[in-house]
């Protein structure tokens, strides 16, 4: 049977032979006849692409294992020589994307949360459109280039992610150094930078949250347009949740916990009732509790924007088209809940929060949180002259509402309906 031709850059099998009385004898013969070679030679064929036939590489030593080690070193040297020019011409963007692909494939192995964070940092910050260096060849990038890029990230409000960016740059350049494409890792030569981090709370992934800032109407439209253009955010329902938060001001747990029975989409004034939330219970999983954050949180409010009504009707129609699940309990969940996990089960608010964070960062709003949508709506209600008590009832603020006036199916107060008329916001 003909031996398979070696591809360019490929090595054949390492073969060993021993020098016995002036002639080289195969390793198998040495073992079978119990010979004692005075020297060992390791040989391997290597196809460097310069000729049709592969060329042999060899290394010798008085000990077999040392000969094997020597040939391994030669093989690595040959690989480095052939890979170095190509790696040097590769752009930083190409190197970063290859590193991310390896990370997602488990090379090197990292926790799912770390991979998710690095993916977010790569897509939203390292390879952002305004990057000064993503299109530069690795061999051309200097420590000064990296320092200027880090400074630019800080000035663009991304100071909290510079340390992640440096870790990613360093991993890319480390490979280039090992391959001989560059002589030194420029990240190691960067001087310390004093970057001013945005004020406000900090999310667990390092993103700074400006709790005082609100979205302009143009930013709201931009955000919704971008998240609906994000296939992952649209598929997981995150875009729909952000639309709901933008116009209804729900807390994220309230939005995720919505049930179909909490919606009235066909009345003259379509409404939404916050009747409870999904909560994790040790040993039982995620359970529905008919107790929202507070008594004042239990409220019935008008759906104030046609985009929200259309979105909920679309989800209802899509759910009706889904094939029935063979497991009755799973089907019961799908019949009850507006939002589901990616696997069609009860959603986990913590997981949804992480997906929301990823979507917001990907859309270019690293400073924003889901609660920031609620804060933005609160400010807009005030700007539009909605009375404080009416706005508080709409948002479910505890301090301004008499809890005794609410029940699971409270009648929508007429003054709360006024909110729908005051919030004539542009469509997404």
Protein backbone atom coordinates (compact mmCIF):
# COMPACT_ATOMS: atom_id res chain seq x y z
CA UNK A 1 0.00 0.00 0.00
CA UNK A 2 1.41 3.39 -1.05
CA UNK A 3 2.40 5.73 1.73
CA UNK A 4 0.29 8.87 2.05
CA UNK A 5 2.10 11.97 0.81
CA UNK A 6 2.99 14.46 3.51
CA UNK A 7 1.26 17.83 3.38
CA UNK A 8 3.26 21.04 3.50
CA UNK A 9 4.57 21.63 7.01
CA UNK A 10 3.90 18.02 8.03
CA UNK A 11 6.36 15.55 9.57
CA UNK A 12 6.43 11.81 9.11
CA UNK A 13 7.01 9.25 11.86
CA UNK A 14 10.18 9.53 13.91
CA UNK A 15 12.33 6.44 13.38
CA UNK A 16 15.25 5.34 15.51
CA UNK A 17 18.29 3.28 14.58
CA UNK A 18 21.42 2.23 16.49
CA UNK A 19 25.05 2.14 15.38
CA UNK A 20 26.31 -1.42 15.83
CA UNK A 21 29.80 -2.37 14.59
CA UNK A 22 29.88 0.46 12.05
CA UNK A 23 26.37 0.00 10.59
CA UNK A 24 22.97 1.53 11.43
CA UNK A 25 20.41 -1.01 12.59
CA UNK A 26 16.65 -0.40 13.00
CA UNK A 27 15.36 -0.03 16.55
CA UNK A 28 13.17 -3.13 16.15
CA UNK A 29 16.20 -5.25 15.23
CA UNK A 30 18.21 -3.83 18.11
CA UNK A 31 15.48 -4.88 20.52
CA UNK A 32 14.89 -8.29 18.96
CA UNK A 33 18.57 -9.25 18.88
CA UNK A 34 19.40 -7.45 22.14
CA UNK A 35 22.21 -5.49 20.54
CA UNK A 36 24.13 -2.67 22.23
CA UNK A 37 24.53 0.31 19.91
CA UNK A 38 27.34 2.76 20.56
CA UNK A 39 25.23 5.60 19.18
CA UNK A 40 21.58 6.35 18.29
CA UNK A 41 20.12 8.30 15.38
CA UNK A 42 16.59 9.71 15.15
CA UNK A 43 15.30 10.41 11.64
CA UNK A 44 12.11 12.00 10.36
CA UNK A 45 10.83 13.14 6.96
CA UNK A 46 9.67 16.75 6.65
CA UNK A 47 7.76 18.31 3.77
CA UNK A 48 8.76 21.97 3.71
CA UNK A 49 7.08 22.60 0.37
CA UNK A 50 10.31 23.55 -1.40
CA UNK A 51 10.54 20.27 -3.29
CA UNK A 52 8.19 17.52 -4.40
CA UNK A 53 9.78 14.99 -2.07
CA UNK A 54 10.11 15.53 1.71
CA UNK A 55 13.62 15.93 3.07
CA UNK A 56 15.03 13.91 5.96
CA UNK A 57 16.03 15.45 9.27
CA UNK A 58 18.23 13.58 11.71
CA UNK A 59 19.84 13.96 15.12
CA UNK A 60 22.32 11.71 16.94
CA UNK A 61 23.39 11.04 20.50
CA UNK A 62 24.93 8.28 22.56
CA UNK A 63 21.57 7.72 24.34
CA UNK A 64 18.33 6.84 22.54
CA UNK A 65 16.09 9.24 24.47
CA UNK A 66 18.51 12.12 24.01
CA UNK A 67 18.51 11.45 20.26
CA UNK A 68 14.71 11.55 20.36
CA UNK A 69 14.82 14.85 22.25
CA UNK A 70 17.29 16.31 19.76
CA UNK A 71 15.09 15.48 16.77
CA UNK A 72 12.09 17.01 18.56
CA UNK A 73 14.04 20.25 18.95
CA UNK A 74 14.98 20.21 15.26
CA UNK A 75 11.38 19.62 14.27
CA UNK A 76 10.27 22.59 16.39
CA UNK A 77 12.98 24.75 14.82
CA UNK A 78 11.84 23.84 11.31
CA UNK A 79 8.22 24.60 12.20
CA UNK A 80 9.23 27.96 13.64
CA UNK A 81 11.23 28.91 10.54
CA UNK A 82 8.30 28.14 8.22
CA UNK A 83 5.63 29.75 10.43
CA UNK A 84 7.44 32.93 11.46
CA UNK A 85 7.01 35.00 8.28
CA UNK A 86 3.33 34.13 8.04
CA UNK A 87 2.68 34.96 11.71
CA UNK A 88 4.54 38.22 11.40
CA UNK A 89 2.32 39.34 8.53
CA UNK A 90 -0.86 38.38 10.40
CA UNK A 91 -2.86 41.32 11.71
CA UNK A 92 -3.69 41.70 15.38
CA UNK A 93 -7.35 41.11 14.54
CA UNK A 94 -6.52 37.79 12.87
CA UNK A 95 -4.39 36.74 15.83
CA UNK A 96 -7.06 37.72 18.36
CA UNK A 97 -9.81 35.88 16.49
CA UNK A 98 -7.66 32.75 16.28
CA UNK A 99 -6.93 33.00 20.01
CA UNK A 100 -10.66 33.32 20.75
CA UNK A 101 -11.47 30.32 18.56
CA UNK A 102 -8.93 28.26 20.48
CA UNK A 103 -10.30 29.51 23.80
CA UNK A 104 -13.84 28.48 22.86
CA UNK A 105 -12.51 25.08 21.79
CA UNK A 106 -10.92 24.59 25.23
CA UNK A 107 -7.33 25.45 24.25
CA UNK A 108 -6.29 26.66 26.77
CA UNK A 109 -9.02 25.39 29.07
CA UNK A 110 -10.90 28.15 30.86
CA UNK A 111 -14.18 28.33 32.78
CA UNK A 112 -17.33 29.15 30.74
CA UNK A 113 -17.64 32.51 32.51
CA UNK A 114 -14.03 33.41 31.59
CA UNK A 115 -14.60 32.45 27.96
CA UNK A 116 -17.80 34.51 27.92
CA UNK A 117 -15.96 37.51 29.38
CA UNK A 118 -13.09 37.27 26.88
CA UNK A 119 -15.53 36.89 23.97
CA UNK A 120 -17.34 40.01 25.13
CA UNK A 121 -14.09 41.95 25.56
CA UNK A 122 -12.81 40.89 22.13
CA UNK A 123 -15.99 41.75 20.25
CA UNK A 124 -16.87 44.93 22.10
CA UNK A 125 -13.52 46.48 22.97
CA UNK A 126 -10.38 44.89 21.51
CA UNK A 127 -11.78 44.74 17.96
CA UNK A 128 -14.07 47.76 18.16
CA UNK A 129 -14.31 49.94 15.04
CA UNK A 130 -12.27 52.76 16.58
CA UNK A 131 -9.31 50.50 17.45
CA UNK A 132 -5.97 52.03 16.46
CA UNK A 133 -4.11 48.73 16.05
CA UNK A 134 -6.50 45.89 15.13
CA UNK A 135 -5.55 46.16 11.43
CA UNK A 136 -1.78 46.38 12.04
CA UNK A 137 0.59 43.47 11.41
CA UNK A 138 1.88 41.84 14.60
CA UNK A 139 5.49 42.44 13.59
CA UNK A 140 4.83 46.19 13.26
CA UNK A 141 3.14 46.79 16.64
CA UNK A 142 5.32 48.47 19.27
CA UNK A 143 4.82 48.91 23.02
CA UNK A 144 4.03 52.58 22.31
CA UNK A 145 1.23 51.52 19.94
CA UNK A 146 -0.26 49.36 22.69
CA UNK A 147 0.02 52.15 25.26
CA UNK A 148 -1.77 54.56 22.92
CA UNK A 149 -4.50 51.95 22.33
CA UNK A 150 -4.95 51.42 26.07
CA UNK A 151 -5.12 55.17 26.59
CA UNK A 152 -7.75 55.47 23.85
CA UNK A 153 -9.81 52.73 25.49
CA UNK A 154 -9.69 54.65 28.76
CA UNK A 155 -10.79 57.87 27.09
CA UNK A 156 -13.70 56.01 25.46
CA UNK A 157 -14.93 54.82 28.86
CA UNK A 158 -13.44 51.33 28.64
CA UNK A 159 -10.76 51.62 31.33
CA UNK A 160 -12.25 48.69 33.26
CA UNK A 161 -11.48 46.37 30.32
CA UNK A 162 -7.88 47.39 29.63
CA UNK A 163 -6.47 44.63 31.85
CA UNK A 164 -8.52 42.05 29.90
CA UNK A 165 -7.34 43.54 26.61
CA UNK A 166 -3.70 43.35 27.75
CA UNK A 167 -4.13 39.67 28.69
CA UNK A 168 -5.52 38.93 25.22
CA UNK A 169 -2.78 40.92 23.46
CA UNK A 170 -0.13 39.15 25.52
CA UNK A 171 -1.47 35.69 24.60
CA UNK A 172 -1.43 36.56 20.89
CA UNK A 173 2.10 37.97 21.00
CA UNK A 174 3.35 35.05 23.09
CA UNK A 175 2.55 32.69 20.22
CA UNK A 176 4.26 35.02 17.77
CA UNK A 177 7.38 35.13 19.98
CA UNK A 178 7.50 31.33 20.27
CA UNK A 179 7.20 31.06 16.49
CA UNK A 180 9.99 33.56 15.93
CA UNK A 181 7.70 36.07 14.18
CA UNK A 182 8.62 38.77 16.71
CA UNK A 183 11.57 38.88 19.06
CA UNK A 184 9.82 40.20 22.17
CA UNK A 185 6.31 40.44 23.58
CA UNK A 186 5.56 44.20 23.43
CA UNK A 187 2.90 43.92 26.13
CA UNK A 188 5.66 43.23 28.66
CA UNK A 189 7.33 46.52 27.77
CA UNK A 190 4.23 48.67 28.25
CA UNK A 191 4.64 51.34 30.91
CA UNK A 192 1.93 51.66 33.59
CA UNK A 193 -0.94 53.94 32.63
CA UNK A 194 -3.13 55.96 34.95
CA UNK A 195 -6.60 55.49 33.50
CA UNK A 196 -9.60 57.19 35.05
CA UNK A 197 -12.35 54.64 35.51
CA UNK A 198 -16.00 55.68 35.08
CA UNK A 199 -17.80 56.56 38.28
CA UNK A 200 -20.52 54.28 39.54
CA UNK A 201 -20.98 50.67 40.54
CA UNK A 202 -18.94 47.93 38.95
CA UNK A 203 -20.43 44.75 37.52
CA UNK A 204 -18.86 41.39 38.38
CA UNK A 205 -17.27 41.22 34.92
CA UNK A 206 -15.46 44.53 35.47
CA UNK A 207 -17.82 46.78 33.50
CA UNK A 208 -18.43 50.12 35.19
CA UNK A 209 -22.03 51.13 35.64
CA UNK A 210 -22.93 54.81 35.65
CA UNK A 211 -26.07 54.72 37.77
CA UNK A 212 -26.85 58.41 37.23
CA UNK A 213 -26.73 58.46 33.44
CA UNK A 214 -29.88 57.99 31.38
CA UNK A 215 -30.36 57.14 27.72
CA UNK A 216 -31.37 59.78 25.24
CA UNK A 217 -34.24 58.84 22.93
CA UNK A 218 -31.73 58.48 20.10
CA UNK A 219 -29.59 56.14 22.23
CA UNK A 220 -32.68 54.07 23.10
CA UNK A 221 -33.45 53.63 19.40
CA UNK A 222 -29.81 52.79 18.63
CA UNK A 223 -29.68 50.24 21.45
CA UNK A 224 -32.84 48.44 20.34
CA UNK A 225 -31.79 48.46 16.71
CA UNK A 226 -28.42 46.91 17.56
CA UNK A 227 -29.71 44.22 19.92
CA UNK A 228 -32.36 43.12 17.43
CA UNK A 229 -29.59 42.91 14.81
CA UNK A 230 -27.61 40.65 17.20
CA UNK A 231 -28.60 37.04 16.29
CA UNK A 232 -27.72 35.72 19.75
CA UNK A 233 -29.68 38.43 21.60
CA UNK A 234 -32.68 37.97 19.30
CA UNK A 235 -32.63 34.15 19.54
CA UNK A 236 -32.44 34.13 23.34
CA UNK A 237 -35.20 36.73 23.72
CA UNK A 238 -32.79 39.26 25.24
CA UNK A 239 -33.73 41.86 22.63
CA UNK A 240 -37.41 41.45 23.56
CA UNK A 241 -36.58 41.80 27.26
CA UNK A 242 -34.66 45.01 26.57
CA UNK A 243 -37.60 46.37 24.58
CA UNK A 244 -39.86 45.58 27.54
CA UNK A 245 -37.47 47.27 29.96
CA UNK A 246 -37.17 50.35 27.76
CA UNK A 247 -40.90 51.10 27.56
CA UNK A 248 -42.38 49.42 30.64
CA UNK A 249 -39.66 50.01 33.22
CA UNK A 250 -39.91 46.52 34.72
CA UNK A 251 -37.26 45.14 37.01
CA UNK A 252 -35.41 42.32 35.27
CA UNK A 253 -36.87 39.66 37.59
CA UNK A 254 -40.37 40.99 36.86
CA UNK A 255 -39.79 40.90 33.11
CA UNK A 256 -38.26 37.41 33.07
CA UNK A 257 -41.09 36.06 35.27
CA UNK A 258 -44.00 37.19 33.09
CA UNK A 259 -46.70 34.60 32.41
CA UNK A 260 -49.25 34.61 29.62
CA UNK A 261 -52.03 34.88 32.14
CA UNK A 262 -50.48 38.16 33.32
CA UNK A 263 -51.14 39.78 29.93
CA UNK A 264 -54.29 41.21 28.40
CA UNK A 265 -53.35 41.89 24.79
CA UNK A 266 -56.79 42.19 23.24
CA UNK A 267 -58.56 44.82 25.36
CA UNK A 268 -58.95 48.45 24.34
CA UNK A 269 -56.06 49.26 26.66
CA UNK A 270 -53.69 46.20 26.64
CA UNK A 271 -52.19 45.64 30.07
CA UNK A 272 -49.49 43.77 31.93
CA UNK A 273 -49.78 42.57 35.53
CA UNK A 274 -46.79 42.01 37.79
CA UNK A 275 -48.12 39.20 39.96
CA UNK A 276 -44.98 37.46 41.18
CA UNK A 277 -41.45 36.36 40.31
CA UNK A 278 -39.46 33.22 39.64
CA UNK A 279 -37.08 32.43 42.48
CA UNK A 280 -34.49 29.66 42.94
CA UNK A 281 -35.23 27.33 45.85
CA UNK A 282 -32.51 25.00 47.08
CA UNK A 283 -33.33 21.42 46.16
CA UNK A 284 -36.38 22.41 44.10
CA UNK A 285 -34.97 24.48 41.25
CA UNK A 286 -36.66 27.67 40.07
CA UNK A 287 -40.14 28.09 41.48
CA UNK A 288 -42.89 30.65 40.82
CA UNK A 289 -43.66 32.81 43.85
CA UNK A 290 -46.73 35.02 43.89
CA UNK A 291 -44.77 37.61 45.82
CA UNK A 292 -42.99 40.34 43.86
CA UNK A 293 -40.33 42.53 45.42
CA UNK A 294 -42.93 44.32 47.54
CA UNK A 295 -46.68 44.77 47.83
CA UNK A 296 -46.40 47.92 45.73
CA UNK A 297 -44.62 45.94 43.02
CA UNK A 298 -47.82 43.95 42.47
CA UNK A 299 -49.48 46.15 39.88
CA UNK A 300 -51.40 46.21 36.61
CA UNK A 301 -50.09 48.75 34.12
CA UNK A 302 -50.90 49.68 30.52
CA UNK A 303 -48.64 48.56 27.69
CA UNK A 304 -47.51 51.98 26.58
CA UNK A 305 -45.94 51.30 23.19
CA UNK A 306 -47.18 49.47 20.11
CA UNK A 307 -43.78 47.83 19.62
CA UNK A 308 -44.17 46.11 23.01
CA UNK A 309 -47.72 44.94 22.18
CA UNK A 310 -46.58 43.64 18.78
CA UNK A 311 -43.60 41.86 20.34
CA UNK A 312 -45.75 40.07 22.92
CA UNK A 313 -48.32 39.05 20.30
CA UNK A 314 -45.51 37.76 18.10
CA UNK A 315 -44.10 35.67 20.95
CA UNK A 316 -47.60 34.34 21.66
CA UNK A 317 -48.09 33.35 18.01
CA UNK A 318 -44.62 31.75 17.81
CA UNK A 319 -45.32 29.77 20.97
CA UNK A 320 -48.58 28.49 19.51
CA UNK A 321 -46.66 27.24 16.45
CA UNK A 322 -44.13 25.27 18.53
CA UNK A 323 -44.62 21.48 18.43
CA UNK A 324 -45.89 19.97 21.67
CA UNK A 325 -43.22 18.56 23.93
CA UNK A 326 -43.50 14.92 24.91
CA UNK A 327 -42.82 15.80 28.55
CA UNK A 328 -46.02 17.26 30.05
CA UNK A 329 -44.14 19.25 32.67
CA UNK A 330 -41.99 20.91 30.02
CA UNK A 331 -45.06 21.69 27.94
CA UNK A 332 -46.75 23.13 31.01
CA UNK A 333 -43.81 25.53 31.42
CA UNK A 334 -43.99 26.57 27.77
CA UNK A 335 -47.71 27.18 28.00
CA UNK A 336 -47.30 29.33 31.10
CA UNK A 337 -44.23 31.53 30.67
CA UNK A 338 -43.61 34.32 28.18
CA UNK A 339 -39.82 33.97 28.34
CA UNK A 340 -37.98 30.64 28.38
CA UNK A 341 -34.40 29.49 28.72
CA UNK A 342 -32.51 28.66 25.48
CA UNK A 343 -33.53 25.02 26.04
CA UNK A 344 -37.20 25.89 26.42
CA UNK A 345 -37.33 25.56 30.22
CA UNK A 346 -37.93 28.00 33.08
CA UNK A 347 -35.49 30.91 32.70
CA UNK A 348 -32.83 31.60 35.30
CA UNK A 349 -32.60 35.32 36.11
CA UNK A 350 -28.85 35.08 36.80
CA UNK A 351 -28.20 33.56 33.38
CA UNK A 352 -30.46 36.12 31.73
CA UNK A 353 -28.55 38.90 33.49
CA UNK A 354 -25.29 37.63 32.00
CA UNK A 355 -26.82 37.48 28.53
CA UNK A 356 -28.19 41.00 28.98
CA UNK A 357 -24.71 42.18 29.99
CA UNK A 358 -23.23 40.60 26.86
CA UNK A 359 -25.91 42.14 24.63
CA UNK A 360 -25.50 45.62 26.12
CA UNK A 361 -21.73 45.47 25.78
CA UNK A 362 -22.00 44.18 22.23
CA UNK A 363 -24.32 47.05 21.34
CA UNK A 364 -21.77 49.56 22.63
CA UNK A 365 -23.39 50.38 26.00
CA UNK A 366 -20.90 48.98 28.58
CA UNK A 367 -22.01 51.53 31.18
CA UNK A 368 -25.69 50.57 31.00
CA UNK A 369 -27.56 47.97 33.08
CA UNK A 370 -31.07 46.59 32.73
CA UNK A 371 -32.05 48.68 35.76
CA UNK A 372 -30.69 51.68 33.88
CA UNK A 373 -33.60 51.30 31.44
CA UNK A 374 -35.98 51.59 34.40
CA UNK A 375 -34.13 54.68 35.67
CA UNK A 376 -34.27 56.22 32.19
CA UNK A 377 -38.03 55.68 32.00
CA UNK A 378 -38.48 57.19 35.46
CA UNK A 379 -36.67 60.35 34.35
CA UNK A 380 -38.72 60.55 31.15
CA UNK A 381 -41.99 60.26 33.06
CA UNK A 382 -40.92 63.21 35.19
CA UNK A 383 -39.84 65.20 32.12
CA UNK A 384 -43.23 64.61 30.51
CA UNK A 385 -45.07 65.95 33.51
CA UNK A 386 -46.45 62.66 34.84
CA UNK A 387 -47.34 63.15 38.53
CA UNK A 388 -44.89 61.54 40.93
CA UNK A 389 -47.49 59.24 42.50
CA UNK A 390 -48.74 58.09 39.08
CA UNK A 391 -45.18 57.36 37.93
CA UNK A 392 -44.50 55.52 41.19
CA UNK A 393 -47.57 53.33 40.70
CA UNK A 394 -46.53 52.59 37.13
CA UNK A 395 -43.01 51.60 38.19
CA UNK A 396 -44.04 49.89 41.43
CA UNK A 397 -42.06 52.12 43.75
CA UNK A 398 -42.69 51.15 47.36
CA UNK A 399 -42.25 54.52 49.00
CA UNK A 400 -45.04 56.32 47.11
CA UNK A 401 -47.74 53.67 46.94
CA UNK A 402 -50.31 52.39 49.42
CA UNK A 403 -49.95 48.61 49.23
CA UNK A 404 -53.56 48.03 50.26
CA UNK A 405 -54.88 49.38 46.96
CA UNK A 406 -53.44 46.47 44.95
CA UNK A 407 -54.55 42.90 44.30
CA UNK A 408 -53.50 40.21 41.82
CA UNK A 409 -55.84 41.66 39.20
CA UNK A 410 -56.10 45.28 40.24
CA UNK A 411 -58.07 47.59 37.98
CA UNK A 412 -55.77 49.91 36.10
CA UNK A 413 -56.11 53.36 37.72
CA UNK A 414 -57.07 55.96 35.13
CA UNK A 415 -54.19 58.19 36.17
CA UNK A 416 -51.76 55.34 35.38
CA UNK A 417 -53.33 55.04 31.93
CA UNK A 418 -52.23 58.61 31.38
CA UNK A 419 -48.69 57.27 31.21
CA UNK A 420 -49.45 55.68 27.85
CA UNK A 421 -50.37 59.04 26.40
CA UNK A 422 -47.35 60.81 27.86
CA UNK A 423 -44.80 58.23 26.59
CA UNK A 424 -45.03 58.82 22.86
CA UNK A 425 -41.50 57.49 22.31
CA UNK A 426 -40.12 56.70 18.85
CA UNK A 427 -40.41 53.13 17.57
CA UNK A 428 -37.39 50.86 17.74
